[in-house]
Amino acid sequence: MELLLTVDSSEWDGGSASWRPLEDRVPGVGVSSTPTGAVVGRWGELNVFACPSDPRHPHRWSIQ
């Protein structure tokens, strides 16, 4: 299985703002790390896996 898609509950760490995109770093303006409002489980991430050898095999997923 290979990783096909990852959906995370936040775009960056809201506390330290690590990995925050440059275009969202406006001094004096607070920007939410969750602009879509999508939450996976209890603020985790969803990983979807696919079989590279046969697309007819069912996809697998994991929530962390």
N, C-alpha and C. Protein backbone atom coordinates (compact mmCIF):
# COMPACT_ATOMS: atom_id res chain seq x y z
N MET A 1 0.84 -1.18 0.00
CA MET A 1 0.00 0.00 0.00
C MET A 1 0.89 1.25 0.00
N GLU A 2 0.49 2.24 -0.77
CA GLU A 2 1.21 3.51 -0.82
C GLU A 2 0.27 4.62 -0.38
N LEU A 3 0.85 5.61 0.27
CA LEU A 3 0.07 6.75 0.72
C LEU A 3 -0.48 7.50 -0.48
N LEU A 4 -1.79 7.70 -0.51
CA LEU A 4 -2.46 8.39 -1.61
C LEU A 4 -2.85 9.81 -1.20
N LEU A 5 -3.31 9.98 0.05
CA LEU A 5 -3.85 11.27 0.49
C LEU A 5 -3.72 11.39 2.00
N THR A 6 -3.43 12.59 2.47
CA THR A 6 -3.44 12.90 3.90
C THR A 6 -4.32 14.12 4.13
N VAL A 7 -5.25 14.01 5.08
CA VAL A 7 -6.11 15.13 5.48
C VAL A 7 -5.80 15.40 6.94
N ASP A 8 -5.34 16.61 7.25
CA ASP A 8 -4.97 16.97 8.62
C ASP A 8 -5.99 17.94 9.18
N SER A 9 -6.16 17.93 10.49
CA SER A 9 -7.12 18.83 11.14
C SER A 9 -6.66 20.28 11.16
N SER A 10 -5.36 20.52 11.05
CA SER A 10 -4.88 21.89 11.01
C SER A 10 -3.78 22.02 9.96
N GLU A 11 -3.61 23.23 9.47
CA GLU A 11 -2.61 23.44 8.42
C GLU A 11 -1.21 23.62 9.00
N TRP A 12 -1.11 24.07 10.24
CA TRP A 12 0.17 24.21 10.91
C TRP A 12 -0.08 24.19 12.40
N ASP A 13 0.99 24.10 13.18
CA ASP A 13 0.89 24.10 14.63
C ASP A 13 0.42 25.47 15.09
N GLY A 14 -0.78 25.53 15.67
CA GLY A 14 -1.35 26.80 16.10
C GLY A 14 -0.59 27.46 17.24
N GLY A 15 0.13 26.68 18.06
CA GLY A 15 0.86 27.24 19.19
C GLY A 15 2.16 27.90 18.80
N SER A 16 2.98 27.19 18.03
CA SER A 16 4.29 27.73 17.66
C SER A 16 4.32 28.31 16.25
N ALA A 17 3.25 28.04 15.48
CA ALA A 17 3.15 28.49 14.08
C ALA A 17 4.26 27.90 13.21
N SER A 18 4.79 26.74 13.62
CA SER A 18 5.80 26.10 12.78
C SER A 18 5.17 25.65 11.48
N TRP A 19 5.90 25.71 10.42
CA TRP A 19 5.46 25.36 9.07
C TRP A 19 4.33 26.25 8.58
N ARG A 20 4.23 27.44 9.11
CA ARG A 20 3.18 28.38 8.68
C ARG A 20 3.58 28.97 7.32
N PRO A 21 2.68 28.97 6.34
CA PRO A 21 3.00 29.50 5.01
C PRO A 21 3.41 30.98 5.07
N LEU A 22 4.35 31.37 4.23
CA LEU A 22 4.83 32.75 4.21
C LEU A 22 3.70 33.74 3.93
N GLU A 23 2.78 33.40 3.05
CA GLU A 23 1.70 34.32 2.71
C GLU A 23 0.73 34.54 3.87
N ASP A 24 0.77 33.68 4.89
CA ASP A 24 -0.09 33.85 6.07
C ASP A 24 0.64 34.50 7.24
N ARG A 25 1.88 34.94 7.03
CA ARG A 25 2.65 35.57 8.11
C ARG A 25 2.56 37.09 8.00
N VAL A 26 1.41 37.61 8.34
CA VAL A 26 1.19 39.06 8.32
C VAL A 26 1.33 39.57 9.74
N PRO A 27 2.28 40.47 9.99
CA PRO A 27 2.49 40.98 11.35
C PRO A 27 1.23 41.66 11.91
N GLY A 28 0.89 41.30 13.14
CA GLY A 28 -0.24 41.92 13.82
C GLY A 28 -1.59 41.35 13.44
N VAL A 29 -1.64 40.38 12.55
CA VAL A 29 -2.90 39.79 12.13
C VAL A 29 -2.92 38.33 12.56
N GLY A 30 -3.90 37.97 13.39
CA GLY A 30 -4.03 36.58 13.82
C GLY A 30 -4.69 35.75 12.73
N VAL A 31 -4.10 34.63 12.39
CA VAL A 31 -4.64 33.76 11.35
C VAL A 31 -4.88 32.38 11.95
N SER A 32 -6.04 31.83 11.69
CA SER A 32 -6.37 30.52 12.20
C SER A 32 -5.58 29.44 11.48
N SER A 33 -5.12 28.44 12.24
CA SER A 33 -4.43 27.31 11.62
C SER A 33 -5.42 26.28 11.07
N THR A 34 -6.72 26.56 11.23
CA THR A 34 -7.76 25.66 10.73
C THR A 34 -8.77 26.45 9.88
N PRO A 35 -8.35 27.00 8.75
CA PRO A 35 -9.25 27.84 7.96
C PRO A 35 -10.42 27.07 7.36
N THR A 36 -10.29 25.77 7.10
CA THR A 36 -11.40 25.01 6.52
C THR A 36 -12.40 24.56 7.56
N GLY A 37 -11.97 24.44 8.81
CA GLY A 37 -12.85 23.97 9.87
C GLY A 37 -13.03 22.46 9.87
N ALA A 38 -12.33 21.75 8.99
CA ALA A 38 -12.43 20.29 8.94
C ALA A 38 -11.61 19.68 10.08
N VAL A 39 -12.24 18.81 10.83
CA VAL A 39 -11.56 18.16 11.96
C VAL A 39 -11.66 16.64 11.78
N VAL A 40 -10.52 15.97 11.83
CA VAL A 40 -10.48 14.52 11.69
C VAL A 40 -10.37 13.90 13.08
N GLY A 41 -11.36 13.08 13.43
CA GLY A 41 -11.34 12.43 14.75
C GLY A 41 -11.25 13.46 15.86
N ARG A 42 -10.28 13.30 16.73
CA ARG A 42 -10.05 14.26 17.81
C ARG A 42 -8.84 15.12 17.47
N TRP A 43 -8.95 15.89 16.42
CA TRP A 43 -7.91 16.79 15.92
C TRP A 43 -6.69 16.03 15.43
N GLY A 44 -6.92 14.92 14.73
CA GLY A 44 -5.83 14.12 14.20
C GLY A 44 -5.68 14.30 12.70
N GLU A 45 -5.23 13.21 12.04
CA GLU A 45 -5.09 13.24 10.60
C GLU A 45 -5.59 11.93 10.02
N LEU A 46 -6.08 12.00 8.79
CA LEU A 46 -6.57 10.84 8.07
C LEU A 46 -5.60 10.52 6.95
N ASN A 47 -5.13 9.28 6.89
CA ASN A 47 -4.25 8.83 5.82
C ASN A 47 -5.00 7.79 4.99
N VAL A 48 -5.01 7.98 3.67
CA VAL A 48 -5.66 7.05 2.76
C VAL A 48 -4.56 6.38 1.93
N PHE A 49 -4.62 5.05 1.86
CA PHE A 49 -3.61 4.27 1.15
C PHE A 49 -4.26 3.52 -0.02
N ALA A 50 -3.49 3.36 -1.11
CA ALA A 50 -3.97 2.64 -2.28
C ALA A 50 -2.94 1.60 -2.69
N CYS A 51 -3.41 0.56 -3.35
CA CYS A 51 -2.52 -0.49 -3.84
C CYS A 51 -1.96 -0.06 -5.20
N PRO A 52 -0.64 0.07 -5.33
CA PRO A 52 -0.06 0.52 -6.59
C PRO A 52 -0.08 -0.54 -7.69
N SER A 53 -0.20 -1.82 -7.33
CA SER A 53 -0.15 -2.87 -8.34
C SER A 53 -1.51 -3.19 -8.97
N ASP A 54 -2.60 -2.95 -8.21
CA ASP A 54 -3.93 -3.24 -8.74
C ASP A 54 -4.94 -2.26 -8.16
N PRO A 55 -5.43 -1.32 -8.97
CA PRO A 55 -6.37 -0.31 -8.47
C PRO A 55 -7.72 -0.88 -8.03
N ARG A 56 -7.99 -2.16 -8.35
CA ARG A 56 -9.24 -2.79 -7.92
C ARG A 56 -9.20 -3.19 -6.44
N HIS A 57 -8.01 -3.26 -5.87
CA HIS A 57 -7.93 -3.57 -4.43
C HIS A 57 -8.53 -2.42 -3.64
N PRO A 58 -9.22 -2.72 -2.55
CA PRO A 58 -9.85 -1.64 -1.78
C PRO A 58 -8.81 -0.71 -1.12
N HIS A 59 -9.19 0.53 -1.01
CA HIS A 59 -8.33 1.50 -0.32
C HIS A 59 -8.36 1.19 1.17
N ARG A 60 -7.31 1.55 1.86
CA ARG A 60 -7.23 1.42 3.31
C ARG A 60 -7.03 2.80 3.89
N TRP A 61 -7.42 2.98 5.14
CA TRP A 61 -7.26 4.28 5.77
C TRP A 61 -6.86 4.11 7.23
N SER A 62 -6.30 5.17 7.75
CA SER A 62 -5.83 5.19 9.13
C SER A 62 -6.06 6.59 9.69
N ILE A 63 -6.57 6.65 10.89
CA ILE A 63 -6.73 7.94 11.59
C ILE A 63 -5.77 7.95 12.76
N GLN A 64 -4.93 8.97 12.82
CA GLN A 64 -3.94 9.07 13.90
C GLN A 64 -4.18 10.31 14.70
